[in-house]
Every structure is written in structure tokens, then in C-alpha cells.
PDB file of N, CA and C in Angstrom:
ATOM      1  N   MET A   1     144.731  48.133 149.749  1.00  0.00           N
ATOM      2  CA  MET A   1     143.840  48.388 150.864  1.00  0.00           C
ATOM      3  C   MET A   1     142.615  49.142 150.355  1.00  0.00           C
ATOM      4  N   LYS A   2     141.507  48.881 151.018  1.00  0.00           N
ATOM      5  CA  LYS A   2     140.249  49.518 150.646  1.00  0.00           C
ATOM      6  C   LYS A   2     139.728  50.363 151.799  1.00  0.00           C
ATOM      7  N   ILE A   3     139.074  51.456 151.444  1.00  0.00           N
ATOM      8  CA  ILE A   3     138.426  52.301 152.443  1.00  0.00           C
ATOM      9  C   ILE A   3     137.002  52.575 151.972  1.00  0.00           C
ATOM     10  N   TYR A   4     136.041  52.343 152.864  1.00  0.00           N
ATOM     11  CA  TYR A   4     134.635  52.560 152.560  1.00  0.00           C
ATOM     12  C   TYR A   4     134.290  54.015 152.847  1.00  0.00           C
ATOM     13  N   TYR A   5     133.689  54.685 151.880  1.00  0.00           N
ATOM     14  CA  TYR A   5     133.353  56.107 151.972  1.00  0.00           C
ATOM     15  C   TYR A   5     131.870  56.248 152.300  1.00  0.00           C
ATOM     16  N   ALA A   6     131.561  56.489 153.576  1.00  0.00           N
ATOM     17  CA  ALA A   6     130.177  56.658 154.040  1.00  0.00           C
ATOM     18  C   ALA A   6     129.810  58.128 153.987  1.00  0.00           C
ATOM     19  N   HIS A   7     128.724  58.426 153.266  1.00  0.00           N
ATOM     20  CA  HIS A   7     128.275  59.814 153.132  1.00  0.00           C
ATOM     21  C   HIS A   7     126.795  59.814 152.788  1.00  0.00           C
ATOM     22  N   HIS A   8     126.161  60.929 153.054  1.00  0.00           N
ATOM     23  CA  HIS A   8     124.720  61.028 152.845  1.00  0.00           C
ATOM     24  C   HIS A   8     124.386  60.960 151.361  1.00  0.00           C
ATOM     25  N   MET A   9     123.253  60.352 151.062  1.00  0.00           N
ATOM     26  CA  MET A   9     122.820  60.219 149.668  1.00  0.00           C
ATOM     27  C   MET A   9     122.610  61.580 148.995  1.00  0.00           C
ATOM     28  N   TYR A  10     122.358  62.629 149.776  1.00  0.00           N
ATOM     29  CA  TYR A  10     122.215  63.969 149.204  1.00  0.00           C
ATOM     30  C   TYR A  10     123.485  64.398 148.461  1.00  0.00           C
ATOM     31  N   LYS A  11     124.621  63.819 148.846  1.00  0.00           N
ATOM     32  CA  LYS A  11     125.890  64.174 148.226  1.00  0.00           C
ATOM     33  C   LYS A  11     126.171  63.371 146.958  1.00  0.00           C
ATOM     34  N   TYR A  12     125.415  62.323 146.720  1.00  0.00           N
ATOM     35  CA  TYR A  12     125.658  61.472 145.551  1.00  0.00           C
ATOM     36  C   TYR A  12     125.612  62.305 144.270  1.00  0.00           C
ATOM     37  N   ASN A  13     126.622  62.102 143.436  1.00  0.00           N
ATOM     38  CA  ASN A  13     126.701  62.748 142.117  1.00  0.00           C
ATOM     39  C   ASN A  13     126.711  64.271 142.190  1.00  0.00           C
ATOM     40  N   THR A  14     127.345  64.805 143.223  1.00  0.00           N
ATOM     41  CA  THR A  14     127.464  66.258 143.370  1.00  0.00           C
ATOM     42  C   THR A  14     128.931  66.659 143.369  1.00  0.00           C
ATOM     43  N   LEU A  15     129.174  67.949 143.309  1.00  0.00           N
ATOM     44  CA  LEU A  15     130.541  68.449 143.413  1.00  0.00           C
ATOM     45  C   LEU A  15     131.123  68.184 144.801  1.00  0.00           C
ATOM     46  N   VAL A  16     130.269  68.139 145.815  1.00  0.00           N
ATOM     47  CA  VAL A  16     130.745  67.848 147.176  1.00  0.00           C
ATOM     48  C   VAL A  16     131.294  66.428 147.228  1.00  0.00           C
ATOM     49  N   GLU A  17     130.572  65.480 146.670  1.00  0.00           N
ATOM     50  CA  GLU A  17     131.059  64.097 146.641  1.00  0.00           C
ATOM     51  C   GLU A  17     132.386  64.018 145.888  1.00  0.00           C
ATOM     52  N   LYS A  18     132.457  64.682 144.748  1.00  0.00           N
ATOM     53  CA  LYS A  18     133.697  64.680 143.962  1.00  0.00           C
ATOM     54  C   LYS A  18     134.850  65.264 144.785  1.00  0.00           C
ATOM     55  N   TYR A  19     134.597  66.376 145.454  1.00  0.00           N
ATOM     56  CA  TYR A  19     135.626  67.009 146.281  1.00  0.00           C
ATOM     57  C   TYR A  19     136.090  66.072 147.408  1.00  0.00           C
ATOM     58  N   GLU A  20     135.134  65.442 148.097  1.00  0.00           N
ATOM     59  CA  GLU A  20     135.509  64.563 149.206  1.00  0.00           C
ATOM     60  C   GLU A  20     136.312  63.365 148.717  1.00  0.00           C
ATOM     61  N   ILE A  21     135.965  62.822 147.571  1.00  0.00           N
ATOM     62  CA  ILE A  21     136.741  61.705 147.008  1.00  0.00           C
ATOM     63  C   ILE A  21     138.158  62.173 146.682  1.00  0.00           C
ATOM     64  N   GLU A  22     138.294  63.352 146.107  1.00  0.00           N
ATOM     65  CA  GLU A  22     139.625  63.899 145.806  1.00  0.00           C
ATOM     66  C   GLU A  22     140.422  64.131 147.086  1.00  0.00           C
ATOM     67  N   LEU A  23     139.762  64.585 148.146  1.00  0.00           N
ATOM     68  CA  LEU A  23     140.432  64.797 149.428  1.00  0.00           C
ATOM     69  C   LEU A  23     140.943  63.469 149.997  1.00  0.00           C
ATOM     70  N   ILE A  24     140.113  62.438 149.927  1.00  0.00           N
ATOM     71  CA  ILE A  24     140.525  61.109 150.391  1.00  0.00           C
ATOM     72  C   ILE A  24     141.734  60.630 149.592  1.00  0.00           C
ATOM     73  N   GLN A  25     141.659  60.784 148.274  1.00  0.00           N
ATOM     74  CA  GLN A  25     142.770  60.352 147.421  1.00  0.00           C
ATOM     75  C   GLN A  25     144.051  61.119 147.730  1.00  0.00           C
ATOM     76  N   LYS A  26     143.911  62.383 148.083  1.00  0.00           N
ATOM     77  CA  LYS A  26     145.078  63.210 148.404  1.00  0.00           C
ATOM     78  C   LYS A  26     145.764  62.722 149.677  1.00  0.00           C
ATOM     79  N   TYR A  27     144.970  62.459 150.718  1.00  0.00           N
ATOM     80  CA  TYR A  27     145.539  62.088 152.011  1.00  0.00           C
ATOM     81  C   TYR A  27     145.784  60.589 152.170  1.00  0.00           C
ATOM     82  N   LEU A  28     145.032  59.781 151.447  1.00  0.00           N
ATOM     83  CA  LEU A  28     145.173  58.322 151.563  1.00  0.00           C
ATOM     84  C   LEU A  28     145.302  57.709 150.166  1.00  0.00           C
ATOM     85  N   PRO A  29     146.359  58.058 149.430  1.00  0.00           N
ATOM     86  CA  PRO A  29     146.467  57.605 148.042  1.00  0.00           C
ATOM     87  C   PRO A  29     146.624  56.086 147.894  1.00  0.00           C
ATOM     88  N   GLU A  30     147.035  55.433 148.946  1.00  0.00           N
ATOM     89  CA  GLU A  30     147.248  53.982 148.875  1.00  0.00           C
ATOM     90  C   GLU A  30     145.943  53.192 148.962  1.00  0.00           C
ATOM     91  N   TYR A  31     144.847  53.870 149.273  1.00  0.00           N
ATOM     92  CA  TYR A  31     143.555  53.197 149.440  1.00  0.00           C
ATOM     93  C   TYR A  31     142.724  53.215 148.162  1.00  0.00           C
ATOM     94  N   GLU A  32     142.042  52.115 147.916  1.00  0.00           N
ATOM     95  CA  GLU A  32     140.995  52.054 146.901  1.00  0.00           C
ATOM     96  C   GLU A  32     139.704  52.479 147.591  1.00  0.00           C
ATOM     97  N   ILE A  33     139.035  53.479 147.064  1.00  0.00           N
ATOM     98  CA  ILE A  33     137.821  54.006 147.686  1.00  0.00           C
ATOM     99  C   ILE A  33     136.616  53.177 147.249  1.00  0.00           C
ATOM    100  N   ILE A  34     135.896  52.656 148.226  1.00  0.00           N
ATOM    101  CA  ILE A  34     134.663  51.924 147.975  1.00  0.00           C
ATOM    102  C   ILE A  34     133.514  52.887 148.229  1.00  0.00           C
ATOM    103  N   ASN A  35     132.842  53.274 147.166  1.00  0.00           N
ATOM    104  CA  ASN A  35     131.771  54.259 147.239  1.00  0.00           C
ATOM    105  C   ASN A  35     130.432  53.542 147.057  1.00  0.00           C
ATOM    106  N   PRO A  36     129.545  53.594 148.059  1.00  0.00           N
ATOM    107  CA  PRO A  36     128.252  52.935 147.893  1.00  0.00           C
ATOM    108  C   PRO A  36     127.435  53.523 146.735  1.00  0.00           C
ATOM    109  N   ASN A  37     127.715  54.763 146.371  1.00  0.00           N
ATOM    110  CA  ASN A  37     127.063  55.371 145.213  1.00  0.00           C
ATOM    111  C   ASN A  37     127.592  54.665 143.968  1.00  0.00           C
ATOM    112  N   GLY A  38     126.778  53.824 143.417  1.00  0.00           N
ATOM    113  CA  GLY A  38     127.181  53.064 142.243  1.00  0.00           C
ATOM    114  C   GLY A  38     127.519  51.622 142.556  1.00  0.00           C
ATOM    115  N   SER A  39     127.792  51.321 143.825  1.00  0.00           N
ATOM    116  CA  SER A  39     128.122  49.956 144.228  1.00  0.00           C
ATOM    117  C   SER A  39     126.921  49.204 144.781  1.00  0.00           C
ATOM    118  N   ILE A  40     125.870  49.932 145.110  1.00  0.00           N
ATOM    119  CA  ILE A  40     124.697  49.354 145.766  1.00  0.00           C
ATOM    120  C   ILE A  40     123.480  49.518 144.855  1.00  0.00           C
ATOM    121  N   ASN A  41     122.666  48.494 144.785  1.00  0.00           N
ATOM    122  CA  ASN A  41     121.432  48.544 143.997  1.00  0.00           C
ATOM    123  C   ASN A  41     120.372  49.325 144.782  1.00  0.00           C
ATOM    124  N   PRO A  42     120.001  50.520 144.335  1.00  0.00           N
ATOM    125  CA  PRO A  42     119.039  51.337 145.081  1.00  0.00           C
ATOM    126  C   PRO A  42     117.601  50.813 145.013  1.00  0.00           C
ATOM    127  N   GLN A  43     117.363  49.794 144.200  1.00  0.00           N
ATOM    128  CA  GLN A  43     116.011  49.243 144.071  1.00  0.00           C
ATOM    129  C   GLN A  43     115.682  48.244 145.173  1.00  0.00           C
ATOM    130  N   LYS A  44     116.650  47.897 145.993  1.00  0.00           N
ATOM    131  CA  LYS A  44     116.431  46.950 147.077  1.00  0.00           C
ATOM    132  C   LYS A  44     115.752  47.632 148.261  1.00  0.00           C
ATOM    133  N   SER A  45     115.320  46.827 149.223  1.00  0.00           N
ATOM    134  CA  SER A  45     114.748  47.396 150.449  1.00  0.00           C
ATOM    135  C   SER A  45     115.853  48.085 151.241  1.00  0.00           C
ATOM    136  N   GLU A  46     115.448  48.957 152.149  1.00  0.00           N
ATOM    137  CA  GLU A  46     116.435  49.670 152.970  1.00  0.00           C
ATOM    138  C   GLU A  46     117.328  48.698 153.734  1.00  0.00           C
ATOM    139  N   GLN A  47     116.747  47.652 154.302  1.00  0.00           N
ATOM    140  CA  GLN A  47     117.544  46.686 155.071  1.00  0.00           C
ATOM    141  C   GLN A  47     118.518  45.927 154.168  1.00  0.00           C
ATOM    142  N   GLU A  48     118.082  45.576 152.956  1.00  0.00           N
ATOM    143  CA  GLU A  48     118.980  44.892 152.019  1.00  0.00           C
ATOM    144  C   GLU A  48     120.126  45.814 151.604  1.00  0.00           C
ATOM    145  N   ILE A  49     119.814  47.086 151.390  1.00  0.00           N
ATOM    146  CA  ILE A  49     120.856  48.060 151.044  1.00  0.00           C
ATOM    147  C   ILE A  49     121.867  48.170 152.181  1.00  0.00           C
ATOM    148  N   MET A  50     121.374  48.276 153.422  1.00  0.00           N
ATOM    149  CA  MET A  50     122.299  48.394 154.555  1.00  0.00           C
ATOM    150  C   MET A  50     123.138  47.123 154.700  1.00  0.00           C
ATOM    151  N   ASN A  51     122.537  45.957 154.490  1.00  0.00           N
ATOM    152  CA  ASN A  51     123.308  44.712 154.561  1.00  0.00           C
ATOM    153  C   ASN A  51     124.404  44.690 153.499  1.00  0.00           C
ATOM    154  N   ASP A  52     124.098  45.180 152.298  1.00  0.00           N
ATOM    155  CA  ASP A  52     125.121  45.275 151.251  1.00  0.00           C
ATOM    156  C   ASP A  52     126.232  46.241 151.670  1.00  0.00           C
ATOM    157  N   CYS A  53     125.845  47.366 152.276  1.00  0.00           N
ATOM    158  CA  CYS A  53     126.846  48.324 152.767  1.00  0.00           C
ATOM    159  C   CYS A  53     127.728  47.683 153.835  1.00  0.00           C
ATOM    160  N   PHE A  54     127.115  46.951 154.758  1.00  0.00           N
ATOM    161  CA  PHE A  54     127.885  46.286 155.813  1.00  0.00           C
ATOM    162  C   PHE A  54     128.859  45.275 155.215  1.00  0.00           C
ATOM    163  N   ASP A  55     128.442  44.562 154.172  1.00  0.00           N
ATOM    164  CA  ASP A  55     129.346  43.619 153.501  1.00  0.00           C
ATOM    165  C   ASP A  55     130.532  44.353 152.888  1.00  0.00           C
ATOM    166  N   LEU A  56     130.276  45.509 152.270  1.00  0.00           N
ATOM    167  CA  LEU A  56     131.374  46.294 151.701  1.00  0.00           C
ATOM    168  C   LEU A  56     132.320  46.788 152.791  1.00  0.00           C
ATOM    169  N   ILE A  57     131.762  47.196 153.918  1.00  0.00           N
ATOM    170  CA  ILE A  57     132.594  47.641 155.045  1.00  0.00           C
ATOM    171  C   ILE A  57     133.441  46.487 155.551  1.00  0.00           C
ATOM    172  N   ASP A  58     132.827  45.310 155.671  1.00  0.00           N
ATOM    173  CA  ASP A  58     133.559  44.129 156.148  1.00  0.00           C
ATOM    174  C   ASP A  58     134.726  43.773 155.234  1.00  0.00           C
ATOM    175  N   ASN A  59     134.618  44.115 153.951  1.00  0.00           N
ATOM    176  CA  ASN A  59     135.674  43.811 152.990  1.00  0.00           C
ATOM    177  C   ASN A  59     136.622  44.983 152.768  1.00  0.00           C
ATOM    178  N   SER A  60     136.502  46.000 153.616  1.00  0.00           N
ATOM    179  CA  SER A  60     137.391  47.162 153.561  1.00  0.00           C
ATOM    180  C   SER A  60     138.274  47.164 154.795  1.00  0.00           C
ATOM    181  N   GLY A  61     139.394  47.821 154.688  1.00  0.00           N
ATOM    182  CA  GLY A  61     140.298  47.895 155.825  1.00  0.00           C
ATOM    183  C   GLY A  61     140.041  49.084 156.726  1.00  0.00           C
ATOM    184  N   SER A  62     139.261  50.045 156.225  1.00  0.00           N
ATOM    185  CA  SER A  62     138.970  51.272 156.962  1.00  0.00           C
ATOM    186  C   SER A  62     137.646  51.840 156.482  1.00  0.00           C
ATOM    187  N   LEU A  63     137.142  52.819 157.237  1.00  0.00           N
ATOM    188  CA  LEU A  63     135.949  53.550 156.847  1.00  0.00           C
ATOM    189  C   LEU A  63     136.231  55.028 157.026  1.00  0.00           C
ATOM    190  N   ILE A  64     135.757  55.816 156.077  1.00  0.00           N
ATOM    191  CA  ILE A  64     135.829  57.266 156.200  1.00  0.00           C
ATOM    192  C   ILE A  64     134.418  57.797 156.008  1.00  0.00           C
ATOM    193  N   PHE A  65     134.041  58.785 156.814  1.00  0.00           N
ATOM    194  CA  PHE A  65     132.692  59.329 156.671  1.00  0.00           C
ATOM    195  C   PHE A  65     132.719  60.838 156.711  1.00  0.00           C
ATOM    196  N   SER A  66     131.645  61.394 156.167  1.00  0.00           N
ATOM    197  CA  SER A  66     131.479  62.841 156.203  1.00  0.00           C
ATOM    198  C   SER A  66     130.097  63.150 156.742  1.00  0.00           C
ATOM    199  N   SER A  67     129.933  64.409 157.102  1.00  0.00           N
ATOM    200  CA  SER A  67     128.657  64.855 157.640  1.00  0.00           C
ATOM    201  C   SER A  67     128.192  66.065 156.836  1.00  0.00           C
ATOM    202  N   MET A  68     127.057  66.554 157.212  1.00  0.00           N
ATOM    203  CA  MET A  68     126.565  67.805 156.657  1.00  0.00           C
ATOM    204  C   MET A  68     126.454  68.755 157.843  1.00  0.00           C
ATOM    205  N   ASP A  69     127.469  69.605 157.997  1.00  0.00           N
ATOM    206  CA  ASP A  69     127.547  70.533 159.128  1.00  0.00           C
ATOM    207  C   ASP A  69     127.484  69.806 160.470  1.00  0.00           C
ATOM    208  N   GLY A  70     128.187  68.692 160.584  1.00  0.00           N
ATOM    209  CA  GLY A  70     128.247  67.957 161.844  1.00  0.00           C
ATOM    210  C   GLY A  70     127.093  67.012 162.070  1.00  0.00           C
ATOM    211  N   VAL A  71     126.242  66.841 161.074  1.00  0.00           N
ATOM    212  CA  VAL A  71     125.065  65.995 161.218  1.00  0.00           C
ATOM    213  C   VAL A  71     125.130  64.863 160.203  1.00  0.00           C
ATOM    214  N   VAL A  72     124.755  63.662 160.637  1.00  0.00           N
ATOM    215  CA  VAL A  72     124.658  62.518 159.728  1.00  0.00           C
ATOM    216  C   VAL A  72     123.267  61.926 159.824  1.00  0.00           C
ATOM    217  N   GLY A  73     122.888  61.221 158.786  1.00  0.00           N
ATOM    218  CA  GLY A  73     121.625  60.497 158.797  1.00  0.00           C
ATOM    219  C   GLY A  73     121.799  59.110 159.359  1.00  0.00           C
ATOM    220  N   LYS A  74     120.716  58.373 159.439  1.00  0.00           N
ATOM    221  CA  LYS A  74     120.730  57.037 160.023  1.00  0.00           C
ATOM    222  C   LYS A  74     121.657  56.084 159.278  1.00  0.00           C
ATOM    223  N   GLY A  75     121.694  56.164 157.950  1.00  0.00           N
ATOM    224  CA  GLY A  75     122.542  55.253 157.185  1.00  0.00           C
ATOM    225  C   GLY A  75     124.010  55.390 157.544  1.00  0.00           C
ATOM    226  N   VAL A  76     124.526  56.617 157.523  1.00  0.00           N
ATOM    227  CA  VAL A  76     125.933  56.846 157.876  1.00  0.00           C
ATOM    228  C   VAL A  76     126.166  56.478 159.341  1.00  0.00           C
ATOM    229  N   HIS A  77     125.235  56.832 160.202  1.00  0.00           N
ATOM    230  CA  HIS A  77     125.319  56.473 161.621  1.00  0.00           C
ATOM    231  C   HIS A  77     125.488  54.958 161.767  1.00  0.00           C
ATOM    232  N   ASP A  78     124.651  54.186 161.077  1.00  0.00           N
ATOM    233  CA  ASP A  78     124.719  52.732 161.181  1.00  0.00           C
ATOM    234  C   ASP A  78     125.999  52.171 160.559  1.00  0.00           C
ATOM    235  N   GLU A  79     126.455  52.782 159.463  1.00  0.00           N
ATOM    236  CA  GLU A  79     127.701  52.324 158.834  1.00  0.00           C
ATOM    237  C   GLU A  79     128.891  52.543 159.768  1.00  0.00           C
ATOM    238  N   VAL A  80     128.955  53.712 160.397  1.00  0.00           N
ATOM    239  CA  VAL A  80     130.062  53.992 161.325  1.00  0.00           C
ATOM    240  C   VAL A  80     129.991  53.051 162.523  1.00  0.00           C
ATOM    241  N   ASN A  81     128.802  52.840 163.068  1.00  0.00           N
ATOM    242  CA  ASN A  81     128.670  51.916 164.192  1.00  0.00           C
ATOM    243  C   ASN A  81     129.079  50.501 163.812  1.00  0.00           C
ATOM    244  N   HIS A  82     128.780  50.087 162.585  1.00  0.00           N
ATOM    245  CA  HIS A  82     129.202  48.762 162.118  1.00  0.00           C
ATOM    246  C   HIS A  82     130.727  48.690 162.069  1.00  0.00           C
ATOM    247  N   ALA A  83     131.355  49.742 161.578  1.00  0.00           N
ATOM    248  CA  ALA A  83     132.821  49.775 161.523  1.00  0.00           C
ATOM    249  C   ALA A  83     133.420  49.726 162.928  1.00  0.00           C
ATOM    250  N   ILE A  84     132.789  50.406 163.875  1.00  0.00           N
ATOM    251  CA  ILE A  84     133.263  50.364 165.264  1.00  0.00           C
ATOM    252  C   ILE A  84     133.195  48.936 165.791  1.00  0.00           C
ATOM    253  N   LYS A  85     132.079  48.249 165.530  1.00  0.00           N
ATOM    254  CA  LYS A  85     131.919  46.866 165.998  1.00  0.00           C
ATOM    255  C   LYS A  85     132.931  45.925 165.372  1.00  0.00           C
ATOM    256  N   THR A  86     133.326  46.189 164.133  1.00  0.00           N
ATOM    257  CA  THR A  86     134.292  45.313 163.468  1.00  0.00           C
ATOM    258  C   THR A  86     135.732  45.758 163.728  1.00  0.00           C
ATOM    259  N   ASN A  87     135.870  46.846 164.489  1.00  0.00           N
ATOM    260  CA  ASN A  87     137.184  47.297 164.951  1.00  0.00           C
ATOM    261  C   ASN A  87     138.130  47.680 163.807  1.00  0.00           C
ATOM    262  N   ILE A  88     137.594  48.359 162.786  1.00  0.00           N
ATOM    263  CA  ILE A  88     138.459  48.848 161.723  1.00  0.00           C
ATOM    264  C   ILE A  88     138.690  50.344 161.926  1.00  0.00           C
ATOM    265  N   PRO A  89     139.805  50.872 161.415  1.00  0.00           N
ATOM    266  CA  PRO A  89     140.083  52.301 161.574  1.00  0.00           C
ATOM    267  C   PRO A  89     138.999  53.161 160.924  1.00  0.00           C
ATOM    268  N   ILE A  90     138.694  54.279 161.586  1.00  0.00           N
ATOM    269  CA  ILE A  90     137.655  55.196 161.127  1.00  0.00           C
ATOM    270  C   ILE A  90     138.242  56.605 161.027  1.00  0.00           C
ATOM    271  N   TYR A  91     137.911  57.266 159.922  1.00  0.00           N
ATOM    272  CA  TYR A  91     138.324  58.638 159.696  1.00  0.00           C
ATOM    273  C   TYR A  91     137.089  59.490 159.430  1.00  0.00           C
ATOM    274  N   TYR A  92     137.208  60.780 159.748  1.00  0.00           N
ATOM    275  CA  TYR A  92     136.113  61.727 159.557  1.00  0.00           C
ATOM    276  C   TYR A  92     136.623  62.895 158.724  1.00  0.00           C
ATOM    277  N   ILE A  93     135.878  63.259 157.707  1.00  0.00           N
ATOM    278  CA  ILE A  93     136.218  64.429 156.899  1.00  0.00           C
ATOM    279  C   ILE A  93     135.656  65.665 157.596  1.00  0.00           C
ATOM    280  N   ASN A  94     136.554  66.575 157.978  1.00  0.00           N
ATOM    281  CA  ASN A  94     136.131  67.774 158.696  1.00  0.00           C
ATOM    282  C   ASN A  94     137.064  68.926 158.346  1.00  0.00           C
ATOM    283  N   ASN A  95     136.492  70.027 157.883  1.00  0.00           N
ATOM    284  CA  ASN A  95     137.265  71.231 157.552  1.00  0.00           C
ATOM    285  C   ASN A  95     138.453  70.932 156.636  1.00  0.00           C
ATOM    286  N   ASN A  96     138.188  70.224 155.557  1.00  0.00           N
ATOM    287  CA  ASN A  96     139.191  69.942 154.526  1.00  0.00           C
ATOM    288  C   ASN A  96     140.357  69.095 155.007  1.00  0.00           C
ATOM    289  N   ARG A  97     140.126  68.303 156.031  1.00  0.00           N
ATOM    290  CA  ARG A  97     141.168  67.384 156.505  1.00  0.00           C
ATOM    291  C   ARG A  97     140.520  66.108 157.007  1.00  0.00           C
ATOM    292  N   LEU A  98     141.343  65.107 157.213  1.00  0.00           N
ATOM    293  CA  LEU A  98     140.868  63.822 157.716  1.00  0.00           C
ATOM    294  C   LEU A  98     141.291  63.678 159.161  1.00  0.00           C
ATOM    295  N   ILE A  99     140.350  63.313 160.001  1.00  0.00           N
ATOM    296  CA  ILE A  99     140.613  63.133 161.422  1.00  0.00           C
ATOM    297  C   ILE A  99     140.409  61.662 161.760  1.00  0.00           C
ATOM    298  N   LYS A 100     141.416  61.041 162.366  1.00  0.00           N
ATOM    299  CA  LYS A 100     141.263  59.660 162.808  1.00  0.00           C
ATOM    300  C   LYS A 100     140.410  59.664 164.058  1.00  0.00           C
ATOM    301  N   ILE A 101     139.391  58.810 164.065  1.00  0.00           N
ATOM    302  CA  ILE A 101     138.445  58.735 165.178  1.00  0.00           C
ATOM    303  C   ILE A 101     138.767  57.531 166.042  1.00  0.00           C
ATOM    304  N   ASN A 102     138.928  57.765 167.329  1.00  0.00           N
ATOM    305  CA  ASN A 102     139.137  56.659 168.264  1.00  0.00           C
ATOM    306  C   ASN A 102     137.854  56.306 169.007  1.00  0.00           C
ATOM    307  N   LYS A 103     137.089  57.332 169.360  1.00  0.00           N
ATOM    308  CA  LYS A 103     135.797  57.139 170.027  1.00  0.00           C
ATOM    309  C   LYS A 103     134.816  58.155 169.469  1.00  0.00           C
ATOM    310  N   ILE A 104     133.569  57.765 169.458  1.00  0.00           N
ATOM    311  CA  ILE A 104     132.547  58.709 169.010  1.00  0.00           C
ATOM    312  C   ILE A 104     131.322  58.549 169.893  1.00  0.00           C
ATOM    313  N   LYS A 105     130.730  59.671 170.248  1.00  0.00           N
ATOM    314  CA  LYS A 105     129.490  59.675 171.021  1.00  0.00           C
ATOM    315  C   LYS A 105     128.445  60.370 170.170  1.00  0.00           C
ATOM    316  N   TRP A 106     127.389  59.637 169.867  1.00  0.00           N
ATOM    317  CA  TRP A 106     126.325  60.188 169.034  1.00  0.00           C
ATOM    318  C   TRP A 106     125.310  60.916 169.890  1.00  0.00           C
ATOM    319  N   ASP A 107     124.916  62.077 169.462  1.00  0.00           N
ATOM    320  CA  ASP A 107     123.784  62.775 170.044  1.00  0.00           C
ATOM    321  C   ASP A 107     122.618  62.616 169.079  1.00  0.00           C
ATOM    322  N   ILE A 108     121.491  62.203 169.595  1.00  0.00           N
ATOM    323  CA  ILE A 108     120.311  62.070 168.746  1.00  0.00           C
ATOM    324  C   ILE A 108     119.648  63.439 168.663  1.00  0.00           C
ATOM    325  N   ILE A 109     119.596  63.975 167.463  1.00  0.00           N
ATOM    326  CA  ILE A 109     118.975  65.275 167.258  1.00  0.00           C
ATOM    327  C   ILE A 109     117.474  65.104 167.074  1.00  0.00           C
ATOM    328  N   ASN A 110     117.111  64.182 166.214  1.00  0.00           N
ATOM    329  CA  ASN A 110     115.697  63.945 165.944  1.00  0.00           C
ATOM    330  C   ASN A 110     115.555  62.500 165.464  1.00  0.00           C
ATOM    331  N   GLU A 111     115.323  61.597 166.402  1.00  0.00           N
ATOM    332  CA  GLU A 111     115.303  60.177 166.062  1.00  0.00           C
ATOM    333  C   GLU A 111     114.187  59.830 165.075  1.00  0.00           C
ATOM    334  N   SER A 112     113.041  60.492 165.174  1.00  0.00           N
ATOM    335  CA  SER A 112     111.953  60.188 164.247  1.00  0.00           C
ATOM    336  C   SER A 112     112.320  60.545 162.806  1.00  0.00           C
ATOM    337  N   HIS A 113     113.226  61.520 162.639  1.00  0.00           N
ATOM    338  CA  HIS A 113     113.704  61.870 161.300  1.00  0.00           C
ATOM    339  C   HIS A 113     115.062  61.248 161.021  1.00  0.00           C
ATOM    340  N   ARG A 114     115.548  60.404 161.973  1.00  0.00           N
ATOM    341  CA  ARG A 114     116.764  59.617 161.783  1.00  0.00           C
ATOM    342  C   ARG A 114     117.997  60.496 161.564  1.00  0.00           C
ATOM    343  N   ILE A 115     118.144  61.508 162.401  1.00  0.00           N
ATOM    344  CA  ILE A 115     119.257  62.451 162.278  1.00  0.00           C
ATOM    345  C   ILE A 115     120.099  62.399 163.552  1.00  0.00           C
ATOM    346  N   TYR A 116     121.409  62.334 163.383  1.00  0.00           N
ATOM    347  CA  TYR A 116     122.345  62.216 164.501  1.00  0.00           C
ATOM    348  C   TYR A 116     123.463  63.236 164.343  1.00  0.00           C
ATOM    349  N   SER A 117     124.042  63.632 165.447  1.00  0.00           N
ATOM    350  CA  SER A 117     125.168  64.559 165.437  1.00  0.00           C
ATOM    351  C   SER A 117     126.470  63.794 165.586  1.00  0.00           C
ATOM    352  N   THR A 118     127.528  64.292 164.988  1.00  0.00           N
ATOM    353  CA  THR A 118     128.840  63.678 165.115  1.00  0.00           C
ATOM    354  C   THR A 118     129.812  64.581 165.862  1.00  0.00           C
ATOM    355  N   LEU A 119     129.311  65.514 166.600  1.00  0.00           N
ATOM    356  CA  LEU A 119     130.175  66.545 167.139  1.00  0.00           C
ATOM    357  C   LEU A 119     131.042  66.115 168.316  1.00  0.00           C
ATOM    358  N   LYS A 120     130.761  64.971 168.927  1.00  0.00           N
ATOM    359  CA  LYS A 120     131.538  64.555 170.091  1.00  0.00           C
ATOM    360  C   LYS A 120     132.367  63.332 169.755  1.00  0.00           C
ATOM    361  N   PHE A 121     133.629  63.568 169.455  1.00  0.00           N
ATOM    362  CA  PHE A 121     134.552  62.472 169.159  1.00  0.00           C
ATOM    363  C   PHE A 121     135.954  62.877 169.553  1.00  0.00           C
ATOM    364  N   ASN A 122     136.796  61.863 169.630  1.00  0.00           N
ATOM    365  CA  ASN A 122     138.226  62.130 169.863  1.00  0.00           C
ATOM    366  C   ASN A 122     139.044  61.040 169.242  1.00  0.00           C
TER     367      ASN A 122
END
């Protein structure tokens, strides 16, 4: 089984990314983690990159995402919404644990800067 790891590009190649991958492996050891960092050609247009991400999500059985203090950018927002549309299980990394998400309501914090909140879910 595969799980797509949606996270902000600010986390790419950082200790935070490493920690989150280790956390996923700890709680979901049966999953192969699909990380867009390294799987996607960053030289493509934004729309081509997102289409590649959507293809990876479509070929995964689940999606897991993280935020930065409860906030996600447009890319993670769109990846999670794509997973919702394809009806695959979604998990959220929060306070060193994984939370299964059944519903999520996005609050737009600043649409011009493409920032969304993930604070309302169950």
C-alpha cells in the first residue's frame, strides 16, 4: 500500500520532514511513503506539478498531510481536496500523532497569499 505525504515545500529537506516521515513509518509501517519531494520535477509549471501530484495521489491508497501551526498552503490544500474527491483515506499529522480525517472545513486566511487553515476537522 502507498500513502502520499502532502506537506509544504518549506519542509523539504529539513529535519521536520525527516521527523514526519519517521512518524508516518512508526504508525503506518505497512505503507510505502510517496513523497513529492524528489518525485516531482520542480522545473515544470505549477499546474503541471499539481497534475503530477494528483497522479501520485490517484496511485496511492491514502494521503497524509501536515501543516505549519494549523496552516497549509494552496498546494497541500488542493492535494487534500483531490484526495477527498477520490474518496481515499486521509490522515493529519498533529501533535506527534496521526489523526484520521473524515471531514474537513477549510477557512481561508489569506486567499491572495494562498494560505488556508486546517483547524476545523473531525
